[in-house]
Protein backbone atom coordinates (compact mmCIF):
# COMPACT_ATOMS: atom_id res chain seq x y z
CA UNK A 1 97.35 160.36 90.96
CA UNK A 2 97.23 164.16 91.39
CA UNK A 3 99.93 163.89 94.07
CA UNK A 4 102.13 161.87 91.69
CA UNK A 5 101.65 164.50 88.98
CA UNK A 6 102.48 167.26 91.44
CA UNK A 7 105.63 165.38 92.55
CA UNK A 8 106.77 164.89 88.94
CA UNK A 9 106.18 168.51 87.95
CA UNK A 10 108.02 169.66 91.05
CA UNK A 11 111.15 167.71 90.22
CA UNK A 12 111.01 168.62 86.54
CA UNK A 13 110.93 172.27 87.58
CA UNK A 14 113.87 171.63 89.91
CA UNK A 15 115.82 170.07 87.04
CA UNK A 16 115.06 173.03 84.80
CA UNK A 17 116.21 175.54 87.44
CA UNK A 18 119.35 173.52 88.12
CA UNK A 19 120.25 173.41 84.43
CA UNK A 20 119.80 177.18 84.20
CA UNK A 21 122.09 177.69 87.20
CA UNK A 22 124.63 175.14 85.95
CA UNK A 23 125.04 176.64 82.50
CA UNK A 24 126.69 179.94 81.79
CA UNK A 25 125.13 182.88 80.04
CA UNK A 26 126.24 181.46 76.68
CA UNK A 27 125.30 177.89 77.54
CA UNK A 28 128.77 176.66 78.52
CA UNK A 29 129.43 174.56 81.61
CA UNK A 30 131.47 176.22 84.34
CA UNK A 31 134.77 174.83 85.52
CA UNK A 32 135.22 173.44 89.05
CA UNK A 33 136.43 176.68 90.67
CA UNK A 34 134.15 178.97 88.65
CA UNK A 35 130.96 177.07 89.34
CA UNK A 36 128.40 178.73 91.60
CA UNK A 37 129.78 182.26 91.95
CA UNK A 38 133.37 181.07 91.66
CA UNK A 39 133.22 179.12 94.92
CA UNK A 40 135.56 176.12 95.08
CA UNK A 41 133.88 172.78 95.61
CA UNK A 42 133.20 171.82 99.21
CA UNK A 43 132.42 168.27 100.39
CA UNK A 44 131.65 168.64 104.09
CA UNK A 45 127.95 167.78 103.79
CA UNK A 46 128.65 165.22 101.09
CA UNK A 47 131.17 163.47 103.33
CA UNK A 48 128.77 163.43 106.28
CA UNK A 49 125.97 161.92 104.17
CA UNK A 50 128.35 159.39 102.57
CA UNK A 51 129.63 158.17 105.94
CA UNK A 52 126.12 157.91 107.38
CA UNK A 53 124.88 155.91 104.39
CA UNK A 54 127.98 153.71 104.54
CA UNK A 55 127.19 153.10 108.22
CA UNK A 56 123.69 152.03 107.16
CA UNK A 57 125.19 149.62 104.61
CA UNK A 58 127.56 148.19 107.20
CA UNK A 59 124.64 147.74 109.63
CA UNK A 60 122.65 145.79 107.04
CA UNK A 61 125.69 143.63 106.21
CA UNK A 62 126.49 142.83 109.85
CA UNK A 63 122.85 142.14 110.74
CA UNK A 64 122.47 139.84 107.73
CA UNK A 65 125.60 137.94 108.75
CA UNK A 66 124.46 137.70 112.38
CA UNK A 67 121.06 136.14 111.65
CA UNK A 68 122.52 133.60 109.21
CA UNK A 69 125.62 132.66 111.20
CA UNK A 70 124.15 129.69 113.07
CA UNK A 71 123.07 127.90 109.90
CA UNK A 72 126.23 128.68 107.95
CA UNK A 73 129.04 128.45 110.51
CA UNK A 74 127.55 126.94 113.68
CA UNK A 75 128.43 123.52 115.11
CA UNK A 76 125.89 121.86 112.82
CA UNK A 77 126.19 124.46 110.05
CA UNK A 78 127.24 124.04 106.45
CA UNK A 79 130.80 125.25 107.09
CA UNK A 80 131.58 125.09 110.84
CA UNK A 81 133.90 127.93 111.84
CA UNK A 82 135.94 125.75 114.22
CA UNK A 83 137.02 123.46 111.38
CA UNK A 84 138.15 126.44 109.29
CA UNK A 85 140.20 127.90 112.13
CA UNK A 86 141.86 124.55 112.78
CA UNK A 87 142.94 124.37 109.12
CA UNK A 88 144.15 128.01 109.15
CA UNK A 89 146.25 127.79 112.32
CA UNK A 90 149.56 127.67 110.43
CA UNK A 91 148.68 130.50 108.06
CA UNK A 92 150.26 133.92 108.64
CA UNK A 93 148.01 136.76 109.81
CA UNK A 94 148.43 138.51 106.45
CA UNK A 95 147.00 135.44 104.70
CA UNK A 96 144.17 134.88 107.15
CA UNK A 97 143.40 138.25 108.82
CA UNK A 98 140.62 137.87 111.35
CA UNK A 99 140.03 138.78 114.99
CA UNK A 100 138.44 135.37 115.47
CA UNK A 101 141.93 133.83 115.56
CA UNK A 102 142.34 135.35 119.01
CA UNK A 103 139.76 132.94 120.45
CA UNK A 104 142.42 130.45 121.56
CA UNK A 105 144.58 133.19 123.13
CA UNK A 106 141.58 134.55 125.01
CA UNK A 107 140.36 131.09 125.92
CA UNK A 108 136.98 131.72 124.30
CA UNK A 109 134.84 129.70 121.93
CA UNK A 110 135.35 130.62 118.25
CA UNK A 111 131.61 130.62 117.57
CA UNK A 112 131.02 133.03 120.47
CA UNK A 113 133.85 135.33 119.28
CA UNK A 114 132.33 135.48 115.77
CA UNK A 115 129.00 136.57 117.19
CA UNK A 116 130.73 139.19 119.35
CA UNK A 117 132.53 140.57 116.27
CA UNK A 118 129.18 140.78 114.44
CA UNK A 119 127.54 142.59 117.35
CA UNK A 120 130.50 144.95 117.72
CA UNK A 121 130.24 145.70 114.00
CA UNK A 122 126.53 146.48 114.37
CA UNK A 123 127.20 148.84 117.27
CA UNK A 124 129.96 150.69 115.42
CA UNK A 125 127.93 150.93 112.20
CA UNK A 126 124.98 152.28 114.21
CA UNK A 127 127.32 155.01 115.53
CA UNK A 128 128.33 155.84 111.94
CA UNK A 129 124.68 155.90 110.87
CA UNK A 130 123.89 158.27 113.74
CA UNK A 131 126.49 160.73 112.44
CA UNK A 132 129.54 159.68 114.45
CA UNK A 133 131.48 158.22 111.53
CA UNK A 134 134.94 159.32 112.65
CA UNK A 135 138.00 157.49 111.36
CA UNK A 136 138.32 155.16 114.41
CA UNK A 137 134.66 154.12 114.06
CA UNK A 138 135.02 153.44 110.33
CA UNK A 139 138.27 151.55 110.99
CA UNK A 140 136.48 149.40 113.56
CA UNK A 141 133.70 148.59 111.08
CA UNK A 142 136.27 147.65 108.44
CA UNK A 143 138.30 145.39 110.77
CA UNK A 144 135.14 143.62 111.96
CA UNK A 145 133.85 143.02 108.45
CA UNK A 146 137.28 141.88 107.23
CA UNK A 147 137.36 139.39 110.12
CA UNK A 148 133.95 137.98 109.21
CA UNK A 149 134.75 137.88 105.50
CA UNK A 150 137.92 135.90 106.16
CA UNK A 151 136.17 133.16 108.16
CA UNK A 152 133.12 133.41 105.90
CA UNK A 153 134.97 131.65 103.11
CA UNK A 154 132.78 130.86 100.06
CA UNK A 155 129.71 132.54 101.54
CA UNK A 156 131.49 135.90 101.80
CA UNK A 157 133.26 135.97 98.44
CA UNK A 158 130.60 137.89 96.55
CA UNK A 159 131.35 141.10 94.66
CA UNK A 160 129.52 143.25 97.19
CA UNK A 161 131.60 141.92 100.09
CA UNK A 162 134.85 142.90 98.36
CA UNK A 163 133.36 146.24 97.33
CA UNK A 164 132.31 147.00 100.91
CA UNK A 165 135.84 146.31 102.13
CA UNK A 166 137.34 148.54 99.42
CA UNK A 167 134.87 151.34 100.13
CA UNK A 168 135.27 150.95 103.88
CA UNK A 169 139.05 151.22 103.70
CA UNK A 170 138.87 154.44 101.66
CA UNK A 171 136.25 155.76 104.09
CA UNK A 172 138.83 155.53 106.89
CA UNK A 173 141.05 157.93 104.92
CA UNK A 174 138.06 160.16 104.09
CA UNK A 175 136.55 160.43 107.58
CA UNK A 176 137.65 163.12 110.07
CA UNK A 177 139.90 161.81 112.81
CA UNK A 178 138.09 162.72 116.04
CA UNK A 179 135.28 165.11 115.04
CA UNK A 180 131.77 164.34 113.86
CA UNK A 181 131.69 164.58 110.04
CA UNK A 182 128.91 167.18 110.11
CA UNK A 183 130.89 169.38 112.52
CA UNK A 184 134.46 168.74 111.36
CA UNK A 185 136.50 171.88 110.80
CA UNK A 186 139.07 170.09 108.62
CA UNK A 187 138.24 170.02 104.92
CA UNK A 188 137.65 166.72 103.17
CA UNK A 189 140.64 165.10 101.53
CA UNK A 190 140.44 165.66 97.77
CA UNK A 191 142.67 162.62 97.26
CA UNK A 192 140.21 160.40 99.15
CA UNK A 193 137.28 161.86 97.19
CA UNK A 194 138.91 161.06 93.87
CA UNK A 195 139.94 157.59 95.06
CA UNK A 196 136.30 156.86 95.89
CA UNK A 197 135.25 158.20 92.48
CA UNK A 198 137.85 156.00 90.80
CA UNK A 199 136.47 153.00 92.69
CA UNK A 200 133.01 153.82 91.32
CA UNK A 201 134.51 154.28 87.86
CA UNK A 202 136.21 150.87 88.04
CA UNK A 203 133.02 149.17 89.25
CA UNK A 204 130.83 150.77 86.58
CA UNK A 205 133.22 150.30 83.66
CA UNK A 206 134.07 146.69 84.50
CA UNK A 207 130.38 145.88 84.87
CA UNK A 208 129.96 146.87 81.22
CA UNK A 209 133.24 145.44 79.93
CA UNK A 210 132.58 142.00 81.41
CA UNK A 211 129.31 141.82 79.45
CA UNK A 212 131.04 142.68 76.19
CA UNK A 213 134.03 140.42 76.87
CA UNK A 214 131.80 137.43 77.63
CA UNK A 215 130.97 137.10 73.88
CA UNK A 216 127.55 135.93 74.95
CA UNK A 217 124.98 136.27 72.17
CA UNK A 218 122.28 137.54 74.52
CA UNK A 219 124.43 140.63 75.14
CA UNK A 220 125.57 140.94 71.53
CA UNK A 221 121.97 140.75 70.28
CA UNK A 222 120.72 142.84 73.24
CA UNK A 223 118.22 140.16 74.30
CA UNK A 224 119.59 139.58 77.82
CA UNK A 225 116.52 141.10 79.48
CA UNK A 226 114.30 138.58 77.70
CA UNK A 227 115.58 136.05 80.25
CA UNK A 228 116.98 138.14 83.10
CA UNK A 229 113.78 138.99 84.94
CA UNK A 230 112.60 135.37 84.89
CA UNK A 231 115.92 133.67 85.66
CA UNK A 232 117.56 135.87 88.31
CA UNK A 233 117.92 134.20 91.73
CA UNK A 234 115.64 136.47 93.80
CA UNK A 235 113.17 138.39 91.61
CA UNK A 236 110.93 141.02 93.16
CA UNK A 237 107.18 141.38 92.44
CA UNK A 238 108.02 144.10 89.91
CA UNK A 239 110.17 141.64 87.93
CA UNK A 240 107.11 139.88 86.54
CA UNK A 241 105.70 143.12 85.14
CA UNK A 242 109.05 144.08 83.63
CA UNK A 243 109.18 140.68 81.93
CA UNK A 244 105.87 141.45 80.18
CA UNK A 245 107.25 144.54 78.44
CA UNK A 246 107.53 144.64 74.65
CA UNK A 247 110.75 143.01 73.33
CA UNK A 248 111.81 146.35 71.86
CA UNK A 249 111.53 147.98 75.30
CA UNK A 250 113.66 145.21 76.79
CA UNK A 251 116.29 145.68 74.07
CA UNK A 252 116.32 149.40 74.75
CA UNK A 253 116.88 148.54 78.42
CA UNK A 254 120.00 146.56 77.49
CA UNK A 255 121.21 149.45 75.31
CA UNK A 256 120.63 151.87 78.20
CA UNK A 257 122.68 149.60 80.47
CA UNK A 258 125.58 149.55 78.00
CA UNK A 259 125.51 153.33 77.59
CA UNK A 260 125.48 153.93 81.35
CA UNK A 261 128.15 151.36 82.21
CA UNK A 262 130.69 152.13 79.47
CA UNK A 263 130.57 155.67 77.98
CA UNK A 264 128.98 157.28 81.05
CA UNK A 265 131.53 155.64 83.33
CA UNK A 266 134.22 157.97 81.98
CA UNK A 267 132.12 160.99 82.95
CA UNK A 268 132.67 160.03 86.60
CA UNK A 269 136.21 161.37 86.22
CA UNK A 270 135.15 164.54 84.41
CA UNK A 271 136.52 167.74 86.02
CA UNK A 272 133.24 169.61 85.36
CA UNK A 273 130.97 169.44 88.39
CA UNK A 274 127.76 169.87 86.44
CA UNK A 275 128.67 166.85 84.30
CA UNK A 276 129.35 164.75 87.39
CA UNK A 277 126.03 165.80 88.90
CA UNK A 278 124.07 164.61 85.87
CA UNK A 279 126.19 161.47 85.69
CA UNK A 280 125.23 160.75 89.29
CA UNK A 281 121.54 161.02 88.39
CA UNK A 282 121.92 158.62 85.44
CA UNK A 283 123.92 156.07 87.44
CA UNK A 284 121.45 156.28 90.32
CA UNK A 285 118.54 155.67 87.94
CA UNK A 286 120.12 152.42 86.73
CA UNK A 287 120.86 151.24 90.26
CA UNK A 288 117.31 151.98 91.41
CA UNK A 289 115.88 150.04 88.46
CA UNK A 290 118.07 147.05 89.34
CA UNK A 291 117.18 147.36 93.03
CA UNK A 292 113.42 147.41 92.40
CA UNK A 293 113.49 144.48 89.97
CA UNK A 294 115.93 142.15 91.75
CA UNK A 295 117.41 141.38 95.16
CA UNK A 296 121.19 141.67 95.26
CA UNK A 297 121.60 142.26 98.97
CA UNK A 298 123.23 145.58 99.78
CA UNK A 299 125.10 145.75 96.46
CA UNK A 300 122.93 148.41 94.83
CA UNK A 301 122.68 150.41 98.05
CA UNK A 302 126.47 150.42 98.34
CA UNK A 303 126.79 151.58 94.72
CA UNK A 304 124.36 154.42 95.44
CA UNK A 305 126.49 155.35 98.46
CA UNK A 306 129.53 155.63 96.18
CA UNK A 307 127.52 157.76 93.74
CA UNK A 308 127.01 160.34 96.51
CA UNK A 309 130.68 161.32 96.08
CA UNK A 310 129.92 162.71 92.61
CA UNK A 311 127.91 165.47 94.29
CA UNK A 312 129.19 168.42 96.31
CA UNK A 313 127.79 170.73 98.94
CA UNK A 314 126.57 173.35 96.44
CA UNK A 315 124.33 170.78 94.74
CA UNK A 316 123.01 169.42 98.04
CA UNK A 317 122.35 172.93 99.32
CA UNK A 318 120.31 173.67 96.20
CA UNK A 319 118.25 170.50 96.67
CA UNK A 320 117.66 171.15 100.37
CA UNK A 321 116.87 174.83 99.77
CA UNK A 322 114.44 173.91 97.01
CA UNK A 323 112.71 171.42 99.32
CA UNK A 324 112.51 174.03 102.09
CA UNK A 325 110.93 176.57 99.73
CA UNK A 326 108.43 173.99 98.46
CA UNK A 327 107.52 172.95 101.99
CA UNK A 328 106.99 176.57 102.98
CA UNK A 329 104.75 177.13 99.96
CA UNK A 330 102.77 173.97 100.75
CA UNK A 331 102.33 175.14 104.34
CA UNK A 332 100.95 178.50 103.20
CA UNK A 333 98.55 176.84 100.78
CA UNK A 334 97.28 174.42 103.44
CA UNK A 335 96.66 177.33 105.82
């Protein structure tokens, strides 16, 4: 318990110091170019972290597909891949884009080719996770996952599969061409950064709008969490405890969700960096709560990866510098 208290006080102090640095002498937020001693925003470290985390997400997605492939698409699976390819033979490549279609040209078994695509995807995503997320690597990950999604049919039509393809495509434009992201001399594309932010904005806003547009009384009366924790497909152990909370607390949870997903979504596009930094913290808090109380595959992790693009190098440097100072102090105390 003392360690938890120490951790909490440490991060509260960090938040206080960050607010003091983020606000001007008269309490006003600085503009993009005037923030932090008038340095323009830099995204070199942010890009490197984003691409590594996206590589981690890709790796989880490919590994999940690989271990389930036999039961879903094998000879005796629910949806045998050979039958799908036979039905798709006359479709144009633009309507059925997948590397697996090359199996007949190469004289290889379609099932074997699918597994090879999964393994290639895992290798490429491991390279991205290790810090080698150059544009060709990210393009390879995207092509492999698009190929698996195409033959995956109904089992690969979830929101997170589409979101991973959208994010992965933009990551190709964001990644350096032939240099490691952490060592790239070319600055990050501002257009790609804002496209990724707009993708996060679309995801967040539509998540809130769809709840309102459903005209469901549980959302209108803010009682959705009365049932959510008990009725979701894959609850976690923490879900049971959340279900025992007071009804008022559960209603406040729904209200918090609406505030984060609708009004806060517009702050993603705010030109003030300090606003985007705090928006990132709020969005991340919601995603972590969802992640710890339900299993939605890599969906929440991928959303957190997108949230990284709301930060910039100055913020990350402050966090890392603060951690280094704290570690040094802890080392002196222990000695």
